[in-house]
Amino acid sequence: MTLDRVKKGQWVKIMSISDSLTRLQAIRFGIGEETVVACSEIIPGGPIIINRCRQQVALGRKLAGKINVVLEEKSL
């Protein structure tokens, strides 16, 4: 599953990032492979808002679609 398919309130673990440019952009946001994040909001037609370490990051849908994740057993 990719990050753009996550539902609000779900926790996910980032498993892989498809290409080096996307990986570089994600690292700038402080997220990389094996990072656990929570989806706090999904803006219709807009970005996915994720939480990590009390910080919110808005990721565009195109970028989120290149990040492969698995569900984690947590809740917001």
C-alpha atoms as a PDB file:
ATOM      1  CA  MET A   1       0.000   0.000   0.000  1.00  0.00           C
ATOM      2  CA  THR A   2       1.191   3.542  -0.617  1.00  0.00           C
ATOM      3  CA  LEU A   3       0.941   6.512   1.731  1.00  0.00           C
ATOM      4  CA  ASP A   4      -1.695   8.243  -0.417  1.00  0.00           C
ATOM      5  CA  ARG A   5      -4.145   5.376   0.367  1.00  0.00           C
ATOM      6  CA  VAL A   6      -3.907   5.687   4.157  1.00  0.00           C
ATOM      7  CA  LYS A   7      -7.008   6.721   6.094  1.00  0.00           C
ATOM      8  CA  LYS A   8      -7.189   9.424   8.760  1.00  0.00           C
ATOM      9  CA  GLY A   9      -6.111   8.079  12.163  1.00  0.00           C
ATOM     10  CA  GLN A  10      -4.055   5.162  10.828  1.00  0.00           C
ATOM     11  CA  TRP A  11      -0.454   4.582  11.860  1.00  0.00           C
ATOM     12  CA  VAL A  12       1.894   3.266   9.194  1.00  0.00           C
ATOM     13  CA  LYS A  13       5.515   2.213   8.924  1.00  0.00           C
ATOM     14  CA  ILE A  14       7.390   3.392   5.852  1.00  0.00           C
ATOM     15  CA  MET A  15       8.857   0.339   4.162  1.00  0.00           C
ATOM     16  CA  SER A  16      10.375   1.735   0.986  1.00  0.00           C
ATOM     17  CA  ILE A  17      10.559   4.873  -1.106  1.00  0.00           C
ATOM     18  CA  SER A  18      10.455   4.230  -4.832  1.00  0.00           C
ATOM     19  CA  ASP A  19      13.107   6.573  -6.221  1.00  0.00           C
ATOM     20  CA  SER A  20      16.078   8.586  -5.032  1.00  0.00           C
ATOM     21  CA  LEU A  21      14.519  12.037  -5.597  1.00  0.00           C
ATOM     22  CA  THR A  22      11.436  11.097  -3.576  1.00  0.00           C
ATOM     23  CA  ARG A  23      13.678   9.583  -0.871  1.00  0.00           C
ATOM     24  CA  LEU A  24      15.656  12.843  -0.695  1.00  0.00           C
ATOM     25  CA  GLN A  25      12.458  14.913  -0.358  1.00  0.00           C
ATOM     26  CA  ALA A  26      11.143  12.600   2.383  1.00  0.00           C
ATOM     27  CA  ILE A  27      14.427  12.794   4.298  1.00  0.00           C
ATOM     28  CA  ARG A  28      14.173  16.593   4.224  1.00  0.00           C
ATOM     29  CA  PHE A  29      10.814  16.191   6.000  1.00  0.00           C
ATOM     30  CA  GLY A  30      12.447  13.927   8.581  1.00  0.00           C
ATOM     31  CA  ILE A  31      10.925  10.682   7.344  1.00  0.00           C
ATOM     32  CA  GLY A  32      12.720   7.701   5.914  1.00  0.00           C
ATOM     33  CA  GLU A  33      12.438   3.952   5.641  1.00  0.00           C
ATOM     34  CA  GLU A  34      11.409   2.211   8.910  1.00  0.00           C
ATOM     35  CA  THR A  35       9.856   5.461  10.234  1.00  0.00           C
ATOM     36  CA  VAL A  36       6.441   5.166  11.889  1.00  0.00           C
ATOM     37  CA  VAL A  37       4.018   8.032  11.193  1.00  0.00           C
ATOM     38  CA  ALA A  38       0.341   8.774  11.783  1.00  0.00           C
ATOM     39  CA  CYS A  39      -2.099  10.185   9.252  1.00  0.00           C
ATOM     40  CA  SER A  40      -3.781  13.094  11.034  1.00  0.00           C
ATOM     41  CA  GLU A  41      -5.689  14.620   8.128  1.00  0.00           C
ATOM     42  CA  ILE A  42      -6.491  14.107   4.468  1.00  0.00           C
ATOM     43  CA  ILE A  43      -7.355  17.276   2.579  1.00  0.00           C
ATOM     44  CA  PRO A  44      -9.793  16.465  -0.277  1.00  0.00           C
ATOM     45  CA  GLY A  45      -7.919  17.033  -3.526  1.00  0.00           C
ATOM     46  CA  GLY A  46      -4.899  18.164  -1.529  1.00  0.00           C
ATOM     47  CA  PRO A  47      -2.075  16.896   0.662  1.00  0.00           C
ATOM     48  CA  ILE A  48      -1.874  14.124   3.243  1.00  0.00           C
ATOM     49  CA  ILE A  49      -1.014  15.485   6.710  1.00  0.00           C
ATOM     50  CA  ILE A  50       1.157  13.137   8.775  1.00  0.00           C
ATOM     51  CA  ASN A  51       2.461  13.360  12.342  1.00  0.00           C
ATOM     52  CA  ARG A  52       5.904  12.327  13.482  1.00  0.00           C
ATOM     53  CA  CYS A  53       7.520  13.301  16.776  1.00  0.00           C
ATOM     54  CA  ARG A  54       4.902  15.993  17.521  1.00  0.00           C
ATOM     55  CA  GLN A  55       5.513  17.590  14.129  1.00  0.00           C
ATOM     56  CA  GLN A  56       2.987  17.779  11.296  1.00  0.00           C
ATOM     57  CA  VAL A  57       4.126  17.464   7.697  1.00  0.00           C
ATOM     58  CA  ALA A  58       1.975  17.968   4.603  1.00  0.00           C
ATOM     59  CA  LEU A  59       2.913  15.651   1.742  1.00  0.00           C
ATOM     60  CA  GLY A  60       1.532  16.108  -1.748  1.00  0.00           C
ATOM     61  CA  ARG A  61      -0.440  13.178  -3.166  1.00  0.00           C
ATOM     62  CA  LYS A  62       2.117  12.538  -5.911  1.00  0.00           C
ATOM     63  CA  LEU A  63       4.943  12.280  -3.369  1.00  0.00           C
ATOM     64  CA  ALA A  64       2.821  10.164  -0.996  1.00  0.00           C
ATOM     65  CA  GLY A  65       1.995   7.796  -3.865  1.00  0.00           C
ATOM     66  CA  LYS A  66       5.682   6.875  -4.171  1.00  0.00           C
ATOM     67  CA  ILE A  67       6.066   5.862  -0.503  1.00  0.00           C
ATOM     68  CA  ASN A  68       5.247   2.220   0.329  1.00  0.00           C
ATOM     69  CA  VAL A  69       3.883   1.588   3.827  1.00  0.00           C
ATOM     70  CA  VAL A  70       2.390  -1.126   6.057  1.00  0.00           C
ATOM     71  CA  LEU A  71      -0.206  -0.600   8.782  1.00  0.00           C
ATOM     72  CA  GLU A  72       0.889  -0.397  12.424  1.00  0.00           C
ATOM     73  CA  GLU A  73      -1.241  -1.268  15.466  1.00  0.00           C
ATOM     74  CA  LYS A  74      -1.640   2.173  17.079  1.00  0.00           C
ATOM     75  CA  SER A  75      -4.309   4.863  17.172  1.00  0.00           C
ATOM     76  CA  LEU A  76      -4.295   8.663  17.383  1.00  0.00           C
END
